[in-house]
Amino acid sequence: MAPAQRCPLCRQTFFCGRGHVYSRKHQRQLKEALERLLPQVEAARKAIRAAQVERYVPEHERCCWCLCCGCEVRQHLSHGNLTVLYGGLLEHLASPEHKKATNKFWWENKAEVQMKEKFVVTPQDYARFKKSMVKGLDSYEEKEDEVIKEMAAQIREVEQSRQEVVRSVLEPQAVPDPEEGSSAPRSWKGMNSQVASSLQQPSNLDLPPAPELDWMETGPSLTFIGHQDIPGVGNIHSGATPPWMIQDEEYIAGNQEIGPSYEEFLKEKEKQKLKKLPPDRVGANFDHSSRTSAGWLPSFGRVWNNGRRWQSRHQFKTEAAAMKKQSHTEKS
């Protein structure tokens, strides 16, 4: 009988020796595994002719599983803030270790020979990829320069528009001359002097005189009730205590505490704890205010430090019987 062997593709142990790789189940599992890896390999082989360079993002750290080598391989090649798509996978497919592992995998699993060439990159193809990668880097730098130039042009346009707005606000406005009818602009100094002289000269317009108001005159609609200052008290402007800081007379006189005291709070807290206990418990209705003598002991037992309570009860009963018998003998 052939020794037990473990198939990593089928994930089961078989005892038929080399005959397992020819089985229908093994060939189906092998075909499905190669088809899952084939899209990534084809995308990487397309990048040989035209390498794509992009700005680095965390998603470029993605890895893929190499079925032939049995290890994880970085799918992209990153350096600094730039990433070459499928550069890591092509580098692995072109390595001699991968070629050796692929030959071994194809021999052990009896895969189709026609598919073997798709999973291996020749050194000539990898050299072509290097050349296209250099071209991709140059084109990426050109695109970045164009983007920087466009951003600089936008910044210059915004700055120019801002300066125009500021200049339009700071420049003096044109004021027409009523005597000459010309629309030539005047200077700010001339305008200010003209306005100042016009304000100093009396106006020729016949305006009605402003009525003189007597503020102390009382009318039927307003009543003067006098000043409301409290004598001897003052206000906040004179340095006195504000009204909201003055304590009430009742509080000063009585000095009463608001709410229960701390002792009453503790008593109420104990009552609330007792309410949660069962009402039919032993000692629930015990009168704590009753007075007992110092020699009081329960009639059913005594205080004990070790052993069980029933032992102390029996001991108490035997001692009580002995005391009773001794008293009878003394009387007789």
C-alpha atoms as a PDB file:
ATOM      1  CA  MET A   1       0.000   0.000   0.000  1.00  0.00           C
ATOM      2  CA  ALA A   2       1.308   3.452  -0.954  1.00  0.00           C
ATOM      3  CA  PRO A   3       2.120   5.848   1.899  1.00  0.00           C
ATOM      4  CA  ALA A   4      -0.285   8.683   2.714  1.00  0.00           C
ATOM      5  CA  GLN A   5       0.356  11.942   0.902  1.00  0.00           C
ATOM      6  CA  ARG A   6      -1.195  15.399   1.221  1.00  0.00           C
ATOM      7  CA  CYS A   7      -2.408  17.262  -1.889  1.00  0.00           C
ATOM      8  CA  PRO A   8      -2.322  21.074  -1.338  1.00  0.00           C
ATOM      9  CA  LEU A   9      -4.706  21.742  -4.245  1.00  0.00           C
ATOM     10  CA  CYS A  10      -7.391  19.204  -3.272  1.00  0.00           C
ATOM     11  CA  ARG A  11      -6.687  19.700   0.462  1.00  0.00           C
ATOM     12  CA  GLN A  12      -7.044  16.038   1.266  1.00  0.00           C
ATOM     13  CA  THR A  13      -4.895  12.985   1.994  1.00  0.00           C
ATOM     14  CA  PHE A  14      -4.707  10.251  -0.623  1.00  0.00           C
ATOM     15  CA  PHE A  15      -3.193   6.758  -0.633  1.00  0.00           C
ATOM     16  CA  CYS A  16      -3.076   6.032  -4.381  1.00  0.00           C
ATOM     17  CA  GLY A  17       0.468   7.324  -4.924  1.00  0.00           C
ATOM     18  CA  ARG A  18       1.135   9.196  -8.163  1.00  0.00           C
ATOM     19  CA  GLY A  19      -2.227   8.185  -9.550  1.00  0.00           C
ATOM     20  CA  HIS A  20      -3.951  11.027  -7.711  1.00  0.00           C
ATOM     21  CA  VAL A  21      -2.557  13.744 -10.014  1.00  0.00           C
ATOM     22  CA  TYR A  22      -4.298  12.066 -12.975  1.00  0.00           C
ATOM     23  CA  SER A  23      -7.663  11.954 -11.255  1.00  0.00           C
ATOM     24  CA  ARG A  24     -10.528  14.080 -12.511  1.00  0.00           C
ATOM     25  CA  LYS A  25     -10.920  15.931  -9.229  1.00  0.00           C
ATOM     26  CA  HIS A  26      -7.261  16.943  -9.061  1.00  0.00           C
ATOM     27  CA  GLN A  27      -7.223  18.165 -12.656  1.00  0.00           C
ATOM     28  CA  ARG A  28     -10.390  20.207 -12.036  1.00  0.00           C
ATOM     29  CA  GLN A  29      -8.902  21.837  -8.917  1.00  0.00           C
ATOM     30  CA  LEU A  30      -5.676  22.561 -10.815  1.00  0.00           C
ATOM     31  CA  LYS A  31      -7.522  24.183 -13.713  1.00  0.00           C
ATOM     32  CA  GLU A  32      -9.606  26.397 -11.388  1.00  0.00           C
ATOM     33  CA  ALA A  33      -6.504  27.537  -9.467  1.00  0.00           C
ATOM     34  CA  LEU A  34      -4.646  28.458 -12.665  1.00  0.00           C
ATOM     35  CA  GLU A  35      -7.671  30.316 -14.029  1.00  0.00           C
ATOM     36  CA  ARG A  36      -7.866  32.441 -10.854  1.00  0.00           C
ATOM     37  CA  LEU A  37      -4.239  33.494 -11.280  1.00  0.00           C
ATOM     38  CA  LEU A  38      -4.357  33.908 -15.058  1.00  0.00           C
ATOM     39  CA  PRO A  39      -6.101  37.385 -15.190  1.00  0.00           C
ATOM     40  CA  GLN A  40      -3.396  38.982 -13.051  1.00  0.00           C
ATOM     41  CA  VAL A  41      -0.643  37.399 -15.154  1.00  0.00           C
ATOM     42  CA  GLU A  42      -2.255  38.603 -18.395  1.00  0.00           C
ATOM     43  CA  ALA A  43      -2.620  42.152 -17.028  1.00  0.00           C
ATOM     44  CA  ALA A  44       1.064  42.074 -16.043  1.00  0.00           C
ATOM     45  CA  ARG A  45       2.100  40.838 -19.540  1.00  0.00           C
ATOM     46  CA  LYS A  46       0.170  43.750 -21.104  1.00  0.00           C
ATOM     47  CA  ALA A  47       2.259  46.156 -19.038  1.00  0.00           C
ATOM     48  CA  ILE A  48       5.436  44.896 -20.781  1.00  0.00           C
ATOM     49  CA  ARG A  49       4.738  47.003 -23.851  1.00  0.00           C
ATOM     50  CA  ALA A  50       3.338  50.064 -22.093  1.00  0.00           C
ATOM     51  CA  ALA A  51       4.287  50.464 -18.446  1.00  0.00           C
ATOM     52  CA  GLN A  52       1.971  52.661 -16.367  1.00  0.00           C
ATOM     53  CA  VAL A  53       3.364  54.959 -13.680  1.00  0.00           C
ATOM     54  CA  GLU A  54       1.011  56.439 -11.084  1.00  0.00           C
ATOM     55  CA  ARG A  55       1.217  58.326  -7.830  1.00  0.00           C
ATOM     56  CA  TYR A  56       1.612  56.061  -4.820  1.00  0.00           C
ATOM     57  CA  VAL A  57      -1.494  55.129  -2.817  1.00  0.00           C
ATOM     58  CA  PRO A  58      -1.812  52.541  -0.008  1.00  0.00           C
ATOM     59  CA  GLU A  59      -3.729  50.211  -2.345  1.00  0.00           C
ATOM     60  CA  HIS A  60      -0.513  49.620  -4.306  1.00  0.00           C
ATOM     61  CA  GLU A  61       0.807  47.494  -1.421  1.00  0.00           C
ATOM     62  CA  ARG A  62      -1.497  44.669  -2.517  1.00  0.00           C
ATOM     63  CA  CYS A  63       0.020  41.176  -2.867  1.00  0.00           C
ATOM     64  CA  CYS A  64      -0.960  38.140  -4.915  1.00  0.00           C
ATOM     65  CA  TRP A  65      -0.349  34.421  -4.359  1.00  0.00           C
ATOM     66  CA  CYS A  66       2.060  32.607  -6.652  1.00  0.00           C
ATOM     67  CA  LEU A  67       0.714  29.085  -7.097  1.00  0.00           C
ATOM     68  CA  CYS A  68       3.981  27.688  -8.431  1.00  0.00           C
ATOM     69  CA  CYS A  69       6.289  29.078  -5.721  1.00  0.00           C
ATOM     70  CA  GLY A  70       3.734  28.849  -2.896  1.00  0.00           C
ATOM     71  CA  CYS A  71       4.410  32.385  -1.593  1.00  0.00           C
ATOM     72  CA  GLU A  72       3.024  35.917  -1.693  1.00  0.00           C
ATOM     73  CA  VAL A  73       4.382  38.358  -4.272  1.00  0.00           C
ATOM     74  CA  ARG A  74       3.967  42.134  -4.385  1.00  0.00           C
ATOM     75  CA  GLN A  75       1.836  42.997  -7.362  1.00  0.00           C
ATOM     76  CA  HIS A  76       3.170  46.536  -7.956  1.00  0.00           C
ATOM     77  CA  LEU A  77       6.597  48.111  -7.625  1.00  0.00           C
ATOM     78  CA  SER A  78       6.721  51.314  -5.528  1.00  0.00           C
ATOM     79  CA  HIS A  79       9.562  53.731  -4.870  1.00  0.00           C
ATOM     80  CA  GLY A  80       8.999  56.933  -2.994  1.00  0.00           C
ATOM     81  CA  ASN A  81       5.760  58.547  -4.173  1.00  0.00           C
ATOM     82  CA  LEU A  82       5.711  56.694  -7.525  1.00  0.00           C
ATOM     83  CA  THR A  83       4.361  53.243  -8.386  1.00  0.00           C
ATOM     84  CA  VAL A  84       4.917  51.115 -11.502  1.00  0.00           C
ATOM     85  CA  LEU A  85       1.841  48.949 -12.003  1.00  0.00           C
ATOM     86  CA  TYR A  86       2.529  45.175 -12.098  1.00  0.00           C
ATOM     87  CA  GLY A  87       6.268  45.823 -11.757  1.00  0.00           C
ATOM     88  CA  GLY A  88       6.661  43.512  -8.756  1.00  0.00           C
ATOM     89  CA  LEU A  89       4.756  40.633 -10.394  1.00  0.00           C
ATOM     90  CA  LEU A  90       6.769  40.881 -13.630  1.00  0.00           C
ATOM     91  CA  GLU A  91      10.007  40.944 -11.668  1.00  0.00           C
ATOM     92  CA  HIS A  92       8.974  37.733  -9.906  1.00  0.00           C
ATOM     93  CA  LEU A  93       7.812  35.979 -13.077  1.00  0.00           C
ATOM     94  CA  ALA A  94      11.161  36.763 -14.739  1.00  0.00           C
ATOM     95  CA  SER A  95      13.278  35.441 -11.857  1.00  0.00           C
ATOM     96  CA  PRO A  96      15.111  32.089 -12.285  1.00  0.00           C
ATOM     97  CA  GLU A  97      13.670  30.823  -8.992  1.00  0.00           C
ATOM     98  CA  HIS A  98      10.146  31.193 -10.334  1.00  0.00           C
ATOM     99  CA  LYS A  99      11.075  29.446 -13.561  1.00  0.00           C
ATOM    100  CA  LYS A 100      12.529  26.515 -11.639  1.00  0.00           C
ATOM    101  CA  ALA A 101       9.486  26.298  -9.333  1.00  0.00           C
ATOM    102  CA  THR A 102       7.140  26.461 -12.348  1.00  0.00           C
ATOM    103  CA  ASN A 103       8.874  23.524 -14.044  1.00  0.00           C
ATOM    104  CA  LYS A 104       8.615  21.504 -10.841  1.00  0.00           C
ATOM    105  CA  PHE A 105       4.953  22.423 -10.327  1.00  0.00           C
ATOM    106  CA  TRP A 106       4.019  21.472 -13.891  1.00  0.00           C
ATOM    107  CA  TRP A 107       5.846  18.152 -13.584  1.00  0.00           C
ATOM    108  CA  GLU A 108       4.301  17.185 -10.238  1.00  0.00           C
ATOM    109  CA  ASN A 109       0.715  18.178 -11.085  1.00  0.00           C
ATOM    110  CA  LYS A 110       0.723  17.170 -14.788  1.00  0.00           C
ATOM    111  CA  ALA A 111      -0.719  20.502 -15.960  1.00  0.00           C
ATOM    112  CA  GLU A 112      -1.202  21.511 -19.591  1.00  0.00           C
ATOM    113  CA  VAL A 113       2.080  22.329 -21.286  1.00  0.00           C
ATOM    114  CA  GLN A 114       0.503  25.064 -23.439  1.00  0.00           C
ATOM    115  CA  MET A 115      -0.377  27.157 -20.330  1.00  0.00           C
ATOM    116  CA  LYS A 116       3.148  27.009 -18.933  1.00  0.00           C
ATOM    117  CA  GLU A 117       4.462  29.803 -21.186  1.00  0.00           C
ATOM    118  CA  LYS A 118       1.830  32.218 -19.868  1.00  0.00           C
ATOM    119  CA  PHE A 119       3.157  32.012 -16.297  1.00  0.00           C
ATOM    120  CA  VAL A 120       6.807  32.648 -17.165  1.00  0.00           C
ATOM    121  CA  VAL A 121       8.365  35.919 -18.426  1.00  0.00           C
ATOM    122  CA  THR A 122      11.508  35.645 -20.511  1.00  0.00           C
ATOM    123  CA  PRO A 123      14.524  37.911 -19.905  1.00  0.00           C
ATOM    124  CA  GLN A 124      13.913  39.577 -23.313  1.00  0.00           C
ATOM    125  CA  ASP A 125      10.355  40.534 -22.278  1.00  0.00           C
ATOM    126  CA  TYR A 126      11.558  41.866 -18.944  1.00  0.00           C
ATOM    127  CA  ALA A 127      14.193  44.035 -20.737  1.00  0.00           C
ATOM    128  CA  ARG A 128      11.414  45.434 -22.923  1.00  0.00           C
ATOM    129  CA  PHE A 129       9.451  46.187 -19.771  1.00  0.00           C
ATOM    130  CA  LYS A 130      12.392  48.142 -18.328  1.00  0.00           C
ATOM    131  CA  LYS A 131      12.568  50.297 -21.452  1.00  0.00           C
ATOM    132  CA  SER A 132       8.844  50.979 -21.400  1.00  0.00           C
ATOM    133  CA  MET A 133       9.116  51.799 -17.687  1.00  0.00           C
ATOM    134  CA  VAL A 134      11.692  54.514 -18.459  1.00  0.00           C
ATOM    135  CA  LYS A 135       9.353  55.956 -21.091  1.00  0.00           C
ATOM    136  CA  GLY A 136       6.460  55.817 -18.613  1.00  0.00           C
ATOM    137  CA  LEU A 137       8.469  57.719 -16.021  1.00  0.00           C
ATOM    138  CA  ASP A 138       9.343  60.419 -18.568  1.00  0.00           C
ATOM    139  CA  SER A 139       5.710  60.797 -19.658  1.00  0.00           C
ATOM    140  CA  TYR A 140       4.582  60.944 -16.025  1.00  0.00           C
ATOM    141  CA  GLU A 141       7.081  63.729 -15.294  1.00  0.00           C
ATOM    142  CA  GLU A 142       5.829  65.650 -18.336  1.00  0.00           C
ATOM    143  CA  LYS A 143       2.231  65.315 -17.152  1.00  0.00           C
ATOM    144  CA  GLU A 144       3.218  66.487 -13.675  1.00  0.00           C
ATOM    145  CA  ASP A 145       4.992  69.517 -15.188  1.00  0.00           C
ATOM    146  CA  GLU A 146       1.877  70.369 -17.185  1.00  0.00           C
ATOM    147  CA  VAL A 147      -0.290  70.091 -14.093  1.00  0.00           C
ATOM    148  CA  ILE A 148       2.111  72.348 -12.162  1.00  0.00           C
ATOM    149  CA  LYS A 149       2.058  74.900 -14.977  1.00  0.00           C
ATOM    150  CA  GLU A 150      -1.750  74.883 -15.063  1.00  0.00           C
ATOM    151  CA  MET A 151      -1.903  75.362 -11.302  1.00  0.00           C
ATOM    152  CA  ALA A 152       0.612  78.231 -11.512  1.00  0.00           C
ATOM    153  CA  ALA A 153      -1.469  79.885 -14.264  1.00  0.00           C
ATOM    154  CA  GLN A 154      -4.602  79.618 -12.139  1.00  0.00           C
ATOM    155  CA  ILE A 155      -2.788  81.097  -9.159  1.00  0.00           C
ATOM    156  CA  ARG A 156      -1.562  84.015 -11.298  1.00  0.00           C
ATOM    157  CA  GLU A 157      -5.079  84.654 -12.603  1.00  0.00           C
ATOM    158  CA  VAL A 158      -6.521  84.687  -9.098  1.00  0.00           C
ATOM    159  CA  GLU A 159      -3.767  86.993  -7.864  1.00  0.00           C
ATOM    160  CA  GLN A 160      -4.261  89.356 -10.815  1.00  0.00           C
ATOM    161  CA  SER A 161      -8.017  89.526 -10.251  1.00  0.00           C
ATOM    162  CA  ARG A 162      -7.445  90.230  -6.576  1.00  0.00           C
ATOM    163  CA  GLN A 163      -5.054  93.059  -7.342  1.00  0.00           C
ATOM    164  CA  GLU A 164      -7.548  94.551  -9.802  1.00  0.00           C
ATOM    165  CA  VAL A 165     -10.269  94.545  -7.166  1.00  0.00           C
ATOM    166  CA  VAL A 166      -7.979  96.193  -4.618  1.00  0.00           C
ATOM    167  CA  ARG A 167      -6.852  98.788  -7.186  1.00  0.00           C
ATOM    168  CA  SER A 168     -10.456  99.601  -8.133  1.00  0.00           C
ATOM    169  CA  VAL A 169     -11.320 100.179  -4.479  1.00  0.00           C
ATOM    170  CA  LEU A 170      -8.302 102.379  -3.748  1.00  0.00           C
ATOM    171  CA  GLU A 171      -8.514 104.547  -6.903  1.00  0.00           C
ATOM    172  CA  PRO A 172     -10.523 107.865  -6.518  1.00  0.00           C
ATOM    173  CA  GLN A 173     -13.918 108.130  -8.180  1.00  0.00           C
ATOM    174  CA  ALA A 174     -14.533 110.723 -10.971  1.00  0.00           C
ATOM    175  CA  VAL A 175     -16.634 113.743  -9.730  1.00  0.00           C
ATOM    176  CA  PRO A 176     -18.250 116.000 -12.423  1.00  0.00           C
ATOM    177  CA  ASP A 177     -17.647 119.788 -12.203  1.00  0.00           C
ATOM    178  CA  PRO A 178     -21.017 121.622 -12.122  1.00  0.00           C
ATOM    179  CA  GLU A 179     -19.559 124.932 -13.386  1.00  0.00           C
ATOM    180  CA  GLU A 180     -17.600 123.661 -16.404  1.00  0.00           C
ATOM    181  CA  GLY A 181     -19.599 120.515 -17.042  1.00  0.00           C
ATOM    182  CA  SER A 182     -16.432 118.513 -17.570  1.00  0.00           C
ATOM    183  CA  SER A 183     -16.102 114.920 -16.433  1.00  0.00           C
ATOM    184  CA  ALA A 184     -12.395 115.123 -15.516  1.00  0.00           C
ATOM    185  CA  PRO A 185     -11.540 113.412 -12.223  1.00  0.00           C
ATOM    186  CA  ARG A 186     -10.501 115.441  -9.255  1.00  0.00           C
ATOM    187  CA  SER A 187      -8.091 114.643  -6.532  1.00  0.00           C
ATOM    188  CA  TRP A 188      -9.157 113.586  -3.098  1.00  0.00           C
ATOM    189  CA  LYS A 189      -7.500 116.625  -1.535  1.00  0.00           C
ATOM    190  CA  GLY A 190      -9.559 119.021  -3.668  1.00  0.00           C
ATOM    191  CA  MET A 191     -12.749 117.198  -2.851  1.00  0.00           C
ATOM    192  CA  ASN A 192     -12.059 117.261   0.863  1.00  0.00           C
ATOM    193  CA  SER A 193     -11.247 120.997   0.827  1.00  0.00           C
ATOM    194  CA  GLN A 194     -14.462 121.742  -1.102  1.00  0.00           C
ATOM    195  CA  VAL A 195     -16.568 119.705   1.297  1.00  0.00           C
ATOM    196  CA  ALA A 196     -14.948 121.375   4.299  1.00  0.00           C
ATOM    197  CA  SER A 197     -15.562 124.885   2.876  1.00  0.00           C
ATOM    198  CA  SER A 198     -19.162 124.058   2.066  1.00  0.00           C
ATOM    199  CA  LEU A 199     -19.698 122.925   5.639  1.00  0.00           C
ATOM    200  CA  GLN A 200     -18.184 126.124   7.053  1.00  0.00           C
ATOM    201  CA  GLN A 201     -20.225 128.497   4.845  1.00  0.00           C
ATOM    202  CA  PRO A 202     -23.773 129.232   5.984  1.00  0.00           C
ATOM    203  CA  SER A 203     -26.495 127.803   3.853  1.00  0.00           C
ATOM    204  CA  ASN A 204     -28.687 130.150   1.800  1.00  0.00           C
ATOM    205  CA  LEU A 205     -31.709 127.879   2.121  1.00  0.00           C
ATOM    206  CA  ASP A 206     -34.537 129.153   4.319  1.00  0.00           C
ATOM    207  CA  LEU A 207     -34.910 126.325   6.787  1.00  0.00           C
ATOM    208  CA  PRO A 208     -37.290 126.563   9.741  1.00  0.00           C
ATOM    209  CA  PRO A 209     -35.524 127.219  13.046  1.00  0.00           C
ATOM    210  CA  ALA A 210     -35.084 124.158  15.249  1.00  0.00           C
ATOM    211  CA  PRO A 211     -37.269 124.246  18.316  1.00  0.00           C
ATOM    212  CA  GLU A 212     -35.501 124.700  21.641  1.00  0.00           C
ATOM    213  CA  LEU A 213     -36.366 121.798  23.884  1.00  0.00           C
ATOM    214  CA  ASP A 214     -36.641 122.303  27.597  1.00  0.00           C
ATOM    215  CA  TRP A 215     -35.750 118.989  29.228  1.00  0.00           C
ATOM    216  CA  MET A 216     -36.911 120.115  32.676  1.00  0.00           C
ATOM    217  CA  GLU A 217     -40.331 121.001  31.345  1.00  0.00           C
ATOM    218  CA  THR A 218     -43.028 118.584  32.495  1.00  0.00           C
ATOM    219  CA  GLY A 219     -45.855 117.678  30.190  1.00  0.00           C
ATOM    220  CA  PRO A 220     -49.118 115.834  30.645  1.00  0.00           C
ATOM    221  CA  SER A 221     -47.704 112.583  29.134  1.00  0.00           C
ATOM    222  CA  LEU A 222     -44.511 112.315  31.257  1.00  0.00           C
ATOM    223  CA  THR A 223     -44.229 112.496  35.051  1.00  0.00           C
ATOM    224  CA  PHE A 224     -40.953 113.040  36.861  1.00  0.00           C
ATOM    225  CA  ILE A 225     -40.868 110.857  39.986  1.00  0.00           C
ATOM    226  CA  GLY A 226     -37.434 111.927  41.180  1.00  0.00           C
ATOM    227  CA  HIS A 227     -34.174 110.058  41.675  1.00  0.00           C
ATOM    228  CA  GLN A 228     -34.399 106.500  42.997  1.00  0.00           C
ATOM    229  CA  ASP A 229     -31.080 106.356  44.811  1.00  0.00           C
ATOM    230  CA  ILE A 230     -31.307 104.763  48.275  1.00  0.00           C
ATOM    231  CA  PRO A 231     -29.558 107.027  50.791  1.00  0.00           C
ATOM    232  CA  GLY A 232     -26.581 105.429  52.525  1.00  0.00           C
ATOM    233  CA  VAL A 233     -26.542 102.379  50.260  1.00  0.00           C
ATOM    234  CA  GLY A 234     -24.977 103.514  47.017  1.00  0.00           C
ATOM    235  CA  ASN A 235     -24.777 101.557  43.802  1.00  0.00           C
ATOM    236  CA  ILE A 236     -22.257  99.567  41.794  1.00  0.00           C
ATOM    237  CA  HIS A 237     -20.863 102.729  40.204  1.00  0.00           C
ATOM    238  CA  SER A 238     -19.946 104.106  43.607  1.00  0.00           C
ATOM    239  CA  GLY A 239     -18.257 100.896  44.720  1.00  0.00           C
ATOM    240  CA  ALA A 240     -21.140  99.385  46.713  1.00  0.00           C
ATOM    241  CA  THR A 241     -22.046  95.697  46.787  1.00  0.00           C
ATOM    242  CA  PRO A 242     -24.300  94.667  43.877  1.00  0.00           C
ATOM    243  CA  PRO A 243     -27.879  93.740  44.821  1.00  0.00           C
ATOM    244  CA  TRP A 244     -27.460  90.146  43.682  1.00  0.00           C
ATOM    245  CA  MET A 245     -24.511  89.735  46.069  1.00  0.00           C
ATOM    246  CA  ILE A 246     -26.421  90.926  49.160  1.00  0.00           C
ATOM    247  CA  GLN A 247     -27.647  88.085  51.377  1.00  0.00           C
ATOM    248  CA  ASP A 248     -31.271  87.946  52.477  1.00  0.00           C
ATOM    249  CA  GLU A 249     -32.097  89.134  55.982  1.00  0.00           C
ATOM    250  CA  GLU A 250     -33.974  85.933  56.830  1.00  0.00           C
ATOM    251  CA  TYR A 251     -30.975  83.823  55.856  1.00  0.00           C
ATOM    252  CA  ILE A 252     -28.616  86.014  57.882  1.00  0.00           C
ATOM    253  CA  ALA A 253     -30.912  85.964  60.941  1.00  0.00           C
ATOM    254  CA  GLY A 254     -31.892  82.293  61.004  1.00  0.00           C
ATOM    255  CA  ASN A 255     -28.917  80.715  59.222  1.00  0.00           C
ATOM    256  CA  GLN A 256     -31.099  77.702  58.496  1.00  0.00           C
ATOM    257  CA  GLU A 257     -29.822  74.797  56.464  1.00  0.00           C
ATOM    258  CA  ILE A 258     -31.674  73.953  53.312  1.00  0.00           C
ATOM    259  CA  GLY A 259     -32.606  70.292  53.002  1.00  0.00           C
ATOM    260  CA  PRO A 260     -31.844  67.346  55.351  1.00  0.00           C
ATOM    261  CA  SER A 261     -28.652  67.072  57.337  1.00  0.00           C
ATOM    262  CA  TYR A 262     -25.933  64.537  56.627  1.00  0.00           C
ATOM    263  CA  GLU A 263     -27.032  62.281  59.528  1.00  0.00           C
ATOM    264  CA  GLU A 264     -30.620  62.239  58.274  1.00  0.00           C
ATOM    265  CA  PHE A 265     -29.368  61.398  54.795  1.00  0.00           C
ATOM    266  CA  LEU A 266     -27.426  58.381  56.151  1.00  0.00           C
ATOM    267  CA  LYS A 267     -30.470  57.171  58.095  1.00  0.00           C
ATOM    268  CA  GLU A 268     -32.667  57.421  55.024  1.00  0.00           C
ATOM    269  CA  LYS A 269     -30.032  55.564  53.022  1.00  0.00           C
ATOM    270  CA  GLU A 270     -30.049  52.697  55.550  1.00  0.00           C
ATOM    271  CA  LYS A 271     -33.848  52.567  55.391  1.00  0.00           C
ATOM    272  CA  GLN A 272     -33.732  52.277  51.628  1.00  0.00           C
ATOM    273  CA  LYS A 273     -31.287  49.370  51.952  1.00  0.00           C
ATOM    274  CA  LEU A 274     -33.570  47.606  54.445  1.00  0.00           C
ATOM    275  CA  LYS A 275     -36.564  47.972  52.130  1.00  0.00           C
ATOM    276  CA  LYS A 276     -34.805  45.806  49.538  1.00  0.00           C
ATOM    277  CA  LEU A 277     -34.461  42.889  52.020  1.00  0.00           C
ATOM    278  CA  PRO A 278     -37.259  40.293  52.410  1.00  0.00           C
ATOM    279  CA  PRO A 279     -39.865  41.432  54.990  1.00  0.00           C
ATOM    280  CA  ASP A 280     -40.207  37.954  56.596  1.00  0.00           C
ATOM    281  CA  ARG A 281     -36.565  37.572  57.497  1.00  0.00           C
ATOM    282  CA  VAL A 282     -35.417  36.753  61.040  1.00  0.00           C
ATOM    283  CA  GLY A 283     -35.152  39.898  63.134  1.00  0.00           C
ATOM    284  CA  ALA A 284     -37.057  42.135  60.744  1.00  0.00           C
ATOM    285  CA  ASN A 285     -39.537  43.215  63.483  1.00  0.00           C
ATOM    286  CA  PHE A 286     -36.989  43.302  66.309  1.00  0.00           C
ATOM    287  CA  ASP A 287     -37.387  46.231  68.628  1.00  0.00           C
ATOM    288  CA  HIS A 288     -33.978  47.837  68.813  1.00  0.00           C
ATOM    289  CA  SER A 289     -35.131  50.327  71.443  1.00  0.00           C
ATOM    290  CA  SER A 290     -35.765  47.616  74.087  1.00  0.00           C
ATOM    291  CA  ARG A 291     -33.249  47.305  76.893  1.00  0.00           C
ATOM    292  CA  THR A 292     -31.671  43.978  77.864  1.00  0.00           C
ATOM    293  CA  SER A 293     -29.404  43.003  80.730  1.00  0.00           C
ATOM    294  CA  ALA A 294     -25.733  42.276  80.265  1.00  0.00           C
ATOM    295  CA  GLY A 295     -26.193  38.584  81.156  1.00  0.00           C
ATOM    296  CA  TRP A 296     -28.842  37.893  78.493  1.00  0.00           C
ATOM    297  CA  LEU A 297     -28.401  34.744  76.429  1.00  0.00           C
ATOM    298  CA  PRO A 298     -30.807  32.992  74.086  1.00  0.00           C
ATOM    299  CA  SER A 299     -32.646  30.036  75.619  1.00  0.00           C
ATOM    300  CA  PHE A 300     -31.823  27.741  72.720  1.00  0.00           C
ATOM    301  CA  GLY A 301     -28.034  27.949  72.704  1.00  0.00           C
ATOM    302  CA  ARG A 302     -24.989  29.973  73.547  1.00  0.00           C
ATOM    303  CA  VAL A 303     -22.131  31.895  71.953  1.00  0.00           C
ATOM    304  CA  TRP A 304     -19.650  29.579  70.218  1.00  0.00           C
ATOM    305  CA  ASN A 305     -16.230  30.107  68.652  1.00  0.00           C
ATOM    306  CA  ASN A 306     -15.680  26.762  66.933  1.00  0.00           C
ATOM    307  CA  GLY A 307     -17.674  23.732  65.891  1.00  0.00           C
ATOM    308  CA  ARG A 308     -21.368  23.672  64.904  1.00  0.00           C
ATOM    309  CA  ARG A 309     -24.195  25.532  66.558  1.00  0.00           C
ATOM    310  CA  TRP A 310     -26.218  22.373  67.291  1.00  0.00           C
ATOM    311  CA  GLN A 311     -23.295  21.118  69.363  1.00  0.00           C
ATOM    312  CA  SER A 312     -23.460  24.220  71.537  1.00  0.00           C
ATOM    313  CA  ARG A 313     -27.225  23.753  71.845  1.00  0.00           C
ATOM    314  CA  HIS A 314     -26.840  20.176  73.059  1.00  0.00           C
ATOM    315  CA  GLN A 315     -24.086  21.242  75.404  1.00  0.00           C
ATOM    316  CA  PHE A 316     -26.332  23.966  76.813  1.00  0.00           C
ATOM    317  CA  LYS A 317     -29.164  21.489  77.359  1.00  0.00           C
ATOM    318  CA  THR A 318     -26.914  18.986  79.139  1.00  0.00           C
ATOM    319  CA  GLU A 319     -25.520  21.704  81.424  1.00  0.00           C
ATOM    320  CA  ALA A 320     -29.045  22.975  82.134  1.00  0.00           C
ATOM    321  CA  ALA A 321     -30.181  19.439  83.026  1.00  0.00           C
ATOM    322  CA  ALA A 322     -27.165  19.002  85.308  1.00  0.00           C
ATOM    323  CA  MET A 323     -27.878  22.308  87.042  1.00  0.00           C
ATOM    324  CA  LYS A 324     -31.549  21.308  87.510  1.00  0.00           C
ATOM    325  CA  LYS A 325     -30.573  17.912  88.958  1.00  0.00           C
ATOM    326  CA  GLN A 326     -28.089  19.557  91.343  1.00  0.00           C
ATOM    327  CA  SER A 327     -30.751  21.940  92.574  1.00  0.00           C
ATOM    328  CA  HIS A 328     -33.142  19.026  93.262  1.00  0.00           C
ATOM    329  CA  THR A 329     -30.485  17.160  95.282  1.00  0.00           C
ATOM    330  CA  GLU A 330     -29.738  20.241  97.374  1.00  0.00           C
ATOM    331  CA  LYS A 331     -33.431  20.723  98.173  1.00  0.00           C
ATOM    332  CA  SER A 332     -33.856  17.105  99.166  1.00  0.00           C
END
